[in-house]
Amino acid sequence: MIIDSTVLRELIFGNNSKYQKIRKKVEEGELTIRIPDVVKYDVFKTIINENIPEEHFTKFVELIVRYLEYLTVNLDRTHITDAVSISRDLKVDFSVAACLVLANSLMDVYVTANRELVEKLRKNGYSVLHINEIL
């Protein structure tokens, strides 16, 4: 399962019981989630804006980086080129396009928590699931 930052942020920072179940399945090895390398930067933006006490900030960031390294797939030149084209053509964020490219490349499913995005991508012929469809 390829997830974007809308799902990943909830898995890391959220308290929703549905996301907690997914996180537990991932941690127990029952479910594999992956992210294109660009998605981790969206998570870093979230961390920057969080009100984390200074004495915990560095350690917290180190733990998040380690967690994200486990999930991250680095895109190659072809993937990046394809993602740039999709992003331009569909007028979607580059990280969304990267998720589409990675899902296609790995023959996996792309999952997002953004309903409007799901509708837009489906209208354009892309296979994408909303997180509620797998919960």
Foldseek 3Di string as FASTA:
>chain_A
DEEALQLVCCLVPNDDVLSVVVNVCCVVVNDAYAFEPVRVVVVVVVLVPDPDDPVCSVVVVVVSVVVNVVRYDYDDPVLQVQLVVCCVVLVDDSRVSSSQSVCVVVVHEYEYQDPVVCVSQVVVPGGHYYPVVVD
